[in-house]
Structures are given as C-alpha cells and as structure tokens.
Amino acid sequence: MRVGYLTMAPLGKALMVAGLILAVLGAALWGFGPAWMLGRLPGDIYVRRGHFTFYFPLTTAIVISIVLTLLAAVLRR
C-alpha cells in the first residue's frame, strides 16, 4: 500500500498545480477578459450576413496555443 502512495504523489502534485493554474487563468479571463480583447484580434474570421453570423477566432487560438506551449515548456524544466 505504501508503494502506491509514493508513486502517485508526483501525479497528485502535478494535478494540484495544473488546477491552480487553471483557476487563476479562469479568474483572470473572467475578471479582465473584455479588457484583453481576446477574440477580437486581427486575423479572426467574422462573417455577418443578415440573420447569420459566423465567427472563428483563428488568431486568438494561435496566440493561446503559443502561450500554453511556452507555459508547458517552462513547467517541464
């Protein structure tokens, strides 16, 4: 029983850190999201015709992907 505990400890710590990061990021986006203008960057696709609206945040997705990739690289070290 003790061996299982020791092997799960790093996973538990990693999940706690990931949860805290997600909570802080979620709170920041909730509180400051409109001020950051995420989702309204040049390169985001927005089409409006009559009663039809299509929105695809291409540039926003790329920026978020780059930020998460850099964050993962820093956390791996």
C-alpha atoms as a PDB file:
ATOM      1  CA  MET A   1       0.000   0.000   0.000  1.00  0.00           C
ATOM      2  CA  ARG A   2       2.867   2.348   0.729  1.00  0.00           C
ATOM      3  CA  VAL A   3       4.429   1.849  -2.717  1.00  0.00           C
ATOM      4  CA  GLY A   4       1.240   3.007  -4.493  1.00  0.00           C
ATOM      5  CA  TYR A   5       1.181   6.138  -2.374  1.00  0.00           C
ATOM      6  CA  LEU A   6       4.745   7.048  -3.238  1.00  0.00           C
ATOM      7  CA  THR A   7       4.254   6.622  -6.976  1.00  0.00           C
ATOM      8  CA  MET A   8       1.042   8.683  -7.020  1.00  0.00           C
ATOM      9  CA  ALA A   9       2.467  11.655  -5.103  1.00  0.00           C
ATOM     10  CA  PRO A  10       4.062  13.386  -8.144  1.00  0.00           C
ATOM     11  CA  LEU A  11       0.867  12.944 -10.141  1.00  0.00           C
ATOM     12  CA  GLY A  12      -1.178  14.451  -7.329  1.00  0.00           C
ATOM     13  CA  LYS A  13       1.152  17.433  -7.079  1.00  0.00           C
ATOM     14  CA  ALA A  14       1.046  17.952 -10.839  1.00  0.00           C
ATOM     15  CA  LEU A  15      -2.753  17.853 -10.822  1.00  0.00           C
ATOM     16  CA  MET A  16      -2.876  20.352  -7.961  1.00  0.00           C
ATOM     17  CA  VAL A  17      -0.533  22.753  -9.787  1.00  0.00           C
ATOM     18  CA  ALA A  18      -2.485  22.369 -13.030  1.00  0.00           C
ATOM     19  CA  GLY A  19      -5.741  23.010 -11.180  1.00  0.00           C
ATOM     20  CA  LEU A  20      -4.383  26.128  -9.521  1.00  0.00           C
ATOM     21  CA  ILE A  21      -3.066  27.449 -12.835  1.00  0.00           C
ATOM     22  CA  LEU A  22      -6.437  26.833 -14.491  1.00  0.00           C
ATOM     23  CA  ALA A  23      -8.268  28.512 -11.607  1.00  0.00           C
ATOM     24  CA  VAL A  24      -6.047  31.603 -11.759  1.00  0.00           C
ATOM     25  CA  LEU A  25      -6.295  31.748 -15.550  1.00  0.00           C
ATOM     26  CA  GLY A  26     -10.073  31.333 -15.417  1.00  0.00           C
ATOM     27  CA  ALA A  27     -10.436  34.066 -12.815  1.00  0.00           C
ATOM     28  CA  ALA A  28      -8.232  36.399 -14.857  1.00  0.00           C
ATOM     29  CA  LEU A  29     -10.217  35.773 -18.034  1.00  0.00           C
ATOM     30  CA  TRP A  30     -13.490  36.180 -16.184  1.00  0.00           C
ATOM     31  CA  GLY A  31     -12.427  39.414 -14.498  1.00  0.00           C
ATOM     32  CA  PHE A  32     -10.309  41.016 -17.204  1.00  0.00           C
ATOM     33  CA  GLY A  33     -11.379  39.187 -20.386  1.00  0.00           C
ATOM     34  CA  PRO A  34     -13.060  42.108 -22.192  1.00  0.00           C
ATOM     35  CA  ALA A  35     -10.123  44.393 -21.428  1.00  0.00           C
ATOM     36  CA  TRP A  36      -7.674  41.974 -23.046  1.00  0.00           C
ATOM     37  CA  MET A  37      -9.645  41.910 -26.307  1.00  0.00           C
ATOM     38  CA  LEU A  38      -9.067  38.180 -26.709  1.00  0.00           C
ATOM     39  CA  GLY A  39     -11.291  37.029 -29.511  1.00  0.00           C
ATOM     40  CA  ARG A  40     -11.149  40.295 -31.425  1.00  0.00           C
ATOM     41  CA  LEU A  41      -7.665  40.102 -32.842  1.00  0.00           C
ATOM     42  CA  PRO A  42      -6.787  40.852 -36.464  1.00  0.00           C
ATOM     43  CA  GLY A  43      -6.977  37.572 -38.339  1.00  0.00           C
ATOM     44  CA  ASP A  44     -10.041  36.265 -36.513  1.00  0.00           C
ATOM     45  CA  ILE A  45     -12.699  35.337 -39.054  1.00  0.00           C
ATOM     46  CA  TYR A  46     -16.019  37.137 -38.608  1.00  0.00           C
ATOM     47  CA  VAL A  47     -18.793  36.954 -41.223  1.00  0.00           C
ATOM     48  CA  ARG A  48     -22.183  38.598 -40.738  1.00  0.00           C
ATOM     49  CA  ARG A  49     -24.894  38.319 -43.378  1.00  0.00           C
ATOM     50  CA  GLY A  50     -28.468  39.087 -42.454  1.00  0.00           C
ATOM     51  CA  HIS A  51     -29.505  36.849 -39.586  1.00  0.00           C
ATOM     52  CA  PHE A  52     -26.436  34.625 -39.935  1.00  0.00           C
ATOM     53  CA  THR A  53     -23.217  35.226 -38.018  1.00  0.00           C
ATOM     54  CA  PHE A  54     -20.110  33.059 -38.263  1.00  0.00           C
ATOM     55  CA  TYR A  55     -17.124  33.642 -36.003  1.00  0.00           C
ATOM     56  CA  PHE A  56     -13.893  31.638 -35.925  1.00  0.00           C
ATOM     57  CA  PRO A  57     -11.139  33.017 -33.628  1.00  0.00           C
ATOM     58  CA  LEU A  58      -8.166  31.792 -35.676  1.00  0.00           C
ATOM     59  CA  THR A  59      -5.564  34.284 -34.445  1.00  0.00           C
ATOM     60  CA  THR A  60      -6.808  34.039 -30.878  1.00  0.00           C
ATOM     61  CA  ALA A  61      -6.455  30.247 -30.993  1.00  0.00           C
ATOM     62  CA  ILE A  62      -2.890  30.557 -32.309  1.00  0.00           C
ATOM     63  CA  VAL A  63      -1.933  33.060 -29.586  1.00  0.00           C
ATOM     64  CA  ILE A  64      -3.417  30.861 -26.853  1.00  0.00           C
ATOM     65  CA  SER A  65      -1.638  27.815 -28.300  1.00  0.00           C
ATOM     66  CA  ILE A  66       1.721  29.603 -28.258  1.00  0.00           C
ATOM     67  CA  VAL A  67       1.217  30.803 -24.676  1.00  0.00           C
ATOM     68  CA  LEU A  68       0.226  27.318 -23.455  1.00  0.00           C
ATOM     69  CA  THR A  69       3.168  25.736 -25.309  1.00  0.00           C
ATOM     70  CA  LEU A  70       5.609  28.150 -23.662  1.00  0.00           C
ATOM     71  CA  LEU A  71       3.991  27.565 -20.270  1.00  0.00           C
ATOM     72  CA  ALA A  72       4.288  23.783 -20.692  1.00  0.00           C
ATOM     73  CA  ALA A  73       7.946  24.122 -21.711  1.00  0.00           C
ATOM     74  CA  VAL A  74       8.692  26.206 -18.619  1.00  0.00           C
ATOM     75  CA  LEU A  75       6.867  23.787 -16.305  1.00  0.00           C
ATOM     76  CA  ARG A  76       8.768  20.780 -17.705  1.00  0.00           C
ATOM     77  CA  ARG A  77      12.135  22.172 -16.589  1.00  0.00           C
END
